[in-house]
């Protein structure tokens, strides 16, 4: 499932470069830590067979959105305290649980499912390091991308909702491609916003970049599975 926080307007006032770099370092540190509960959540999900969509595709979709946006709202409200970090890690655990269903599908339906997962993870790492490096060093300002990207999220969620009923494989494949492009662009936007002083809270910065990475990985894995063919 693809989600992202609301875009925050880019600051137009001078900012402290050292402070922006500190936010970026703290973001990357917390981002690395957040991968631990994500992996743990995925393992728990695989072992327990956790699947919100066992309640039905539409019910599962709505439950996911309700829980995810509820937790993100709670993180935003507590972003200036240690509770915000705890809630962020709880959120990444939940997202790991949600990832388990796709991982299980890859492992059980494809003889090379493990390889596909590793390839998706490697591809995600390459995209992250390449795009975050560009975003952190370029002189270009991506702040005007915010509204456009948010509209893209709304369109994508609408298509996901529609495909719950339509069940068109080609639309699902197109959505995965759209998500890959959309969240790669979001990664550029989010990291660039941090280094330009547009996001000064490292907890919220971590949440944004985490969602970019999560959705890039999920999109890559789904694309790889689509082109691999079931066995």
Protein backbone atom coordinates (compact mmCIF):
# COMPACT_ATOMS: atom_id res chain seq x y z
CA UNK A 1 0.00 0.00 0.00
CA UNK A 2 1.24 3.46 -0.83
CA UNK A 3 0.99 6.36 1.57
CA UNK A 4 2.90 9.53 2.30
CA UNK A 5 2.57 12.43 4.67
CA UNK A 6 1.17 15.77 3.56
CA UNK A 7 3.74 17.98 1.82
CA UNK A 8 5.08 20.79 3.98
CA UNK A 9 5.66 24.18 2.33
CA UNK A 10 9.36 24.85 1.70
CA UNK A 11 10.85 27.59 3.83
CA UNK A 12 11.97 30.64 1.91
CA UNK A 13 14.00 32.16 4.75
CA UNK A 14 17.75 31.65 5.25
CA UNK A 15 18.58 28.50 7.16
CA UNK A 16 21.50 27.16 9.13
CA UNK A 17 23.44 24.72 6.94
CA UNK A 18 25.01 23.02 9.95
CA UNK A 19 21.58 22.52 11.51
CA UNK A 20 20.18 21.13 8.25
CA UNK A 21 23.10 18.68 8.02
CA UNK A 22 22.46 17.64 11.62
CA UNK A 23 18.80 16.92 10.80
CA UNK A 24 19.92 14.87 7.79
CA UNK A 25 22.40 12.84 9.87
CA UNK A 26 19.81 12.18 12.57
CA UNK A 27 17.30 11.23 9.88
CA UNK A 28 19.64 8.66 8.35
CA UNK A 29 20.49 7.26 11.79
CA UNK A 30 16.84 6.88 12.79
CA UNK A 31 16.05 5.53 9.33
CA UNK A 32 18.59 2.75 9.83
CA UNK A 33 17.15 1.94 13.25
CA UNK A 34 13.62 1.89 11.80
CA UNK A 35 14.55 -0.97 9.48
CA UNK A 36 14.96 -3.29 12.49
CA UNK A 37 11.27 -3.27 13.55
CA UNK A 38 10.32 -3.42 9.86
CA UNK A 39 12.26 -6.67 9.39
CA UNK A 40 11.00 -7.99 12.72
CA UNK A 41 7.41 -7.13 11.77
CA UNK A 42 7.80 -8.89 8.43
CA UNK A 43 9.16 -12.01 10.15
CA UNK A 44 6.29 -11.99 12.66
CA UNK A 45 3.85 -11.57 9.81
CA UNK A 46 5.35 -14.49 7.89
CA UNK A 47 5.34 -16.76 10.94
CA UNK A 48 1.81 -15.89 12.06
CA UNK A 49 0.20 -15.49 8.64
CA UNK A 50 -0.90 -11.96 9.50
CA UNK A 51 -3.04 -10.50 6.73
CA UNK A 52 -5.46 -7.60 7.12
CA UNK A 53 -6.93 -8.52 3.76
CA UNK A 54 -8.25 -11.79 5.13
CA UNK A 55 -11.23 -9.64 6.18
CA UNK A 56 -11.82 -8.85 2.51
CA UNK A 57 -9.95 -6.66 0.04
CA UNK A 58 -12.01 -3.51 0.65
CA UNK A 59 -12.15 -3.95 4.43
CA UNK A 60 -8.43 -4.64 4.57
CA UNK A 61 -7.67 -1.58 2.45
CA UNK A 62 -9.76 0.68 4.67
CA UNK A 63 -8.32 -0.85 7.86
CA UNK A 64 -4.81 -0.29 6.57
CA UNK A 65 -5.47 3.34 5.70
CA UNK A 66 -7.18 3.97 9.04
CA UNK A 67 -4.36 2.44 11.09
CA UNK A 68 -1.55 3.94 9.01
CA UNK A 69 -2.89 7.48 8.87
CA UNK A 70 -3.91 7.30 12.52
CA UNK A 71 -0.37 6.34 13.52
CA UNK A 72 1.15 9.02 11.28
CA UNK A 73 -1.11 11.62 12.86
CA UNK A 74 0.03 10.47 16.32
CA UNK A 75 3.69 10.71 15.23
CA UNK A 76 3.15 14.24 13.95
CA UNK A 77 1.53 15.26 17.24
CA UNK A 78 4.45 13.87 19.31
CA UNK A 79 7.31 14.69 16.93
CA UNK A 80 9.11 16.84 19.49
CA UNK A 81 9.34 14.13 22.15
CA UNK A 82 10.80 10.66 22.64
CA UNK A 83 7.27 9.31 22.33
CA UNK A 84 7.39 10.34 18.69
CA UNK A 85 10.38 8.03 18.15
CA UNK A 86 8.58 5.16 19.89
CA UNK A 87 5.49 5.68 17.76
CA UNK A 88 7.60 5.86 14.60
CA UNK A 89 9.22 2.51 15.42
CA UNK A 90 5.78 1.04 16.18
CA UNK A 91 4.61 2.32 12.80
CA UNK A 92 7.55 0.70 11.01
CA UNK A 93 6.76 -2.58 12.79
CA UNK A 94 3.18 -2.33 11.50
CA UNK A 95 4.44 -1.64 7.99
CA UNK A 96 6.64 -4.72 8.28
CA UNK A 97 3.57 -6.76 9.19
CA UNK A 98 1.82 -5.38 6.11
CA UNK A 99 4.81 -6.31 3.97
CA UNK A 100 4.63 -9.95 5.06
CA UNK A 101 1.75 -10.81 2.74
CA UNK A 102 3.68 -9.73 -0.37
CA UNK A 103 6.84 -11.49 0.83
CA UNK A 104 4.91 -14.68 1.49
CA UNK A 105 3.38 -14.50 -1.98
CA UNK A 106 6.85 -14.14 -3.52
CA UNK A 107 8.28 -17.02 -1.51
CA UNK A 108 5.41 -19.44 -2.08
CA UNK A 109 4.45 -18.68 -5.69
CA UNK A 110 7.93 -18.30 -7.20
CA UNK A 111 10.76 -20.81 -7.10
CA UNK A 112 13.18 -17.87 -7.09
CA UNK A 113 11.12 -15.78 -4.69
CA UNK A 114 14.02 -15.25 -2.31
CA UNK A 115 16.18 -14.00 -5.16
CA UNK A 116 13.45 -11.59 -6.27
CA UNK A 117 13.24 -10.16 -2.75
CA UNK A 118 17.02 -9.70 -2.59
CA UNK A 119 17.03 -8.05 -6.03
CA UNK A 120 14.24 -5.68 -4.96
CA UNK A 121 16.14 -4.79 -1.79
CA UNK A 122 19.36 -4.23 -3.74
CA UNK A 123 17.60 -2.13 -6.33
CA UNK A 124 15.99 -0.06 -3.58
CA UNK A 125 19.40 0.54 -1.99
CA UNK A 126 20.87 1.67 -5.33
CA UNK A 127 17.95 4.04 -5.96
CA UNK A 128 18.15 5.41 -2.41
CA UNK A 129 21.87 6.14 -2.42
CA UNK A 130 21.82 7.56 -5.95
CA UNK A 131 18.80 9.83 -5.56
CA UNK A 132 19.51 10.93 -1.99
CA UNK A 133 23.05 11.81 -3.08
CA UNK A 134 21.71 13.90 -5.94
CA UNK A 135 19.10 15.57 -3.73
CA UNK A 136 21.68 16.44 -1.06
CA UNK A 137 24.25 17.93 -3.43
CA UNK A 138 22.34 19.50 -6.31
CA UNK A 139 21.79 23.24 -6.50
CA UNK A 140 18.30 22.64 -7.83
CA UNK A 141 15.32 23.32 -5.57
CA UNK A 142 12.60 20.64 -5.76
CA UNK A 143 10.21 22.43 -3.41
CA UNK A 144 7.71 23.10 -6.19
CA UNK A 145 7.20 19.35 -6.64
CA UNK A 146 5.21 18.98 -3.41
CA UNK A 147 1.68 19.66 -4.61
CA UNK A 148 2.19 17.74 -7.86
CA UNK A 149 3.46 14.68 -5.99
CA UNK A 150 0.61 14.79 -3.50
CA UNK A 151 -1.89 14.85 -6.38
CA UNK A 152 -0.06 11.81 -7.73
CA UNK A 153 -0.59 10.01 -4.42
CA UNK A 154 -4.31 10.78 -4.49
CA UNK A 155 -4.60 9.50 -8.07
CA UNK A 156 -2.65 6.35 -7.20
CA UNK A 157 -4.78 5.60 -4.14
CA UNK A 158 -7.91 6.12 -6.22
CA UNK A 159 -6.65 3.63 -8.81
CA UNK A 160 -5.74 1.13 -6.08
CA UNK A 161 -9.25 1.45 -4.67
CA UNK A 162 -10.78 1.01 -8.14
CA UNK A 163 -8.67 -2.06 -8.87
CA UNK A 164 -9.96 -3.76 -5.73
CA UNK A 165 -13.22 -4.13 -7.66
CA UNK A 166 -11.90 -4.28 -11.23
CA UNK A 167 -9.06 -6.77 -10.59
CA UNK A 168 -7.26 -5.85 -13.82
CA UNK A 169 -3.69 -7.30 -13.84
CA UNK A 170 -2.46 -4.71 -16.35
CA UNK A 171 -3.70 -1.89 -14.11
CA UNK A 172 -1.90 -3.45 -11.14
CA UNK A 173 1.31 -3.60 -13.17
CA UNK A 174 0.90 0.00 -14.31
CA UNK A 175 0.28 1.06 -10.71
CA UNK A 176 3.54 -0.57 -9.59
CA UNK A 177 5.41 1.36 -12.29
CA UNK A 178 3.65 4.58 -11.31
CA UNK A 179 4.49 4.06 -7.64
CA UNK A 180 8.15 3.43 -8.45
CA UNK A 181 8.42 6.70 -10.37
CA UNK A 182 6.28 8.64 -7.89
CA UNK A 183 8.17 7.61 -4.75
CA UNK A 184 11.56 7.97 -6.42
CA UNK A 185 10.54 11.57 -7.12
CA UNK A 186 9.31 11.88 -3.54
CA UNK A 187 12.72 10.71 -2.31
CA UNK A 188 14.39 13.51 -4.26
CA UNK A 189 11.86 15.99 -2.91
CA UNK A 190 12.07 14.87 0.74
CA UNK A 191 15.86 14.73 1.02
CA UNK A 192 16.23 18.02 -0.85
CA UNK A 193 13.70 19.59 1.52
CA UNK A 194 15.77 18.48 4.53
CA UNK A 195 19.07 19.88 3.25
CA UNK A 196 17.38 23.17 2.31
CA UNK A 197 15.88 23.59 5.77
CA UNK A 198 12.30 22.84 4.75
CA UNK A 199 12.01 20.04 7.32
CA UNK A 200 13.69 20.69 10.66
CA UNK A 201 12.24 17.78 12.63
CA UNK A 202 14.22 14.59 12.08
CA UNK A 203 11.38 12.31 13.23
CA UNK A 204 9.05 13.62 10.52
CA UNK A 205 11.91 13.62 8.02
CA UNK A 206 12.58 9.97 8.83
CA UNK A 207 8.91 9.10 8.40
CA UNK A 208 8.83 10.70 4.95
CA UNK A 209 12.03 9.07 3.69
CA UNK A 210 11.02 5.72 5.22
CA UNK A 211 7.74 5.75 3.28
CA UNK A 212 9.66 6.55 0.08
CA UNK A 213 12.00 3.60 0.56
CA UNK A 214 9.21 1.24 1.62
CA UNK A 215 7.11 1.98 -1.45
CA UNK A 216 10.08 1.85 -3.83
CA UNK A 217 10.93 -1.63 -2.50
CA UNK A 218 7.33 -2.83 -2.72
CA UNK A 219 6.94 -1.49 -6.26
CA UNK A 220 10.20 -3.05 -7.42
CA UNK A 221 9.27 -6.43 -5.91
CA UNK A 222 5.85 -6.42 -7.57
CA UNK A 223 7.38 -5.49 -10.93
CA UNK A 224 9.99 -8.24 -10.62
CA UNK A 225 7.30 -10.78 -9.77
CA UNK A 226 5.16 -9.65 -12.70
CA UNK A 227 7.98 -10.13 -15.18
CA UNK A 228 9.31 -13.32 -13.58
CA UNK A 229 6.10 -15.28 -14.12
CA UNK A 230 4.60 -17.64 -11.53
CA UNK A 231 5.87 -21.21 -11.18
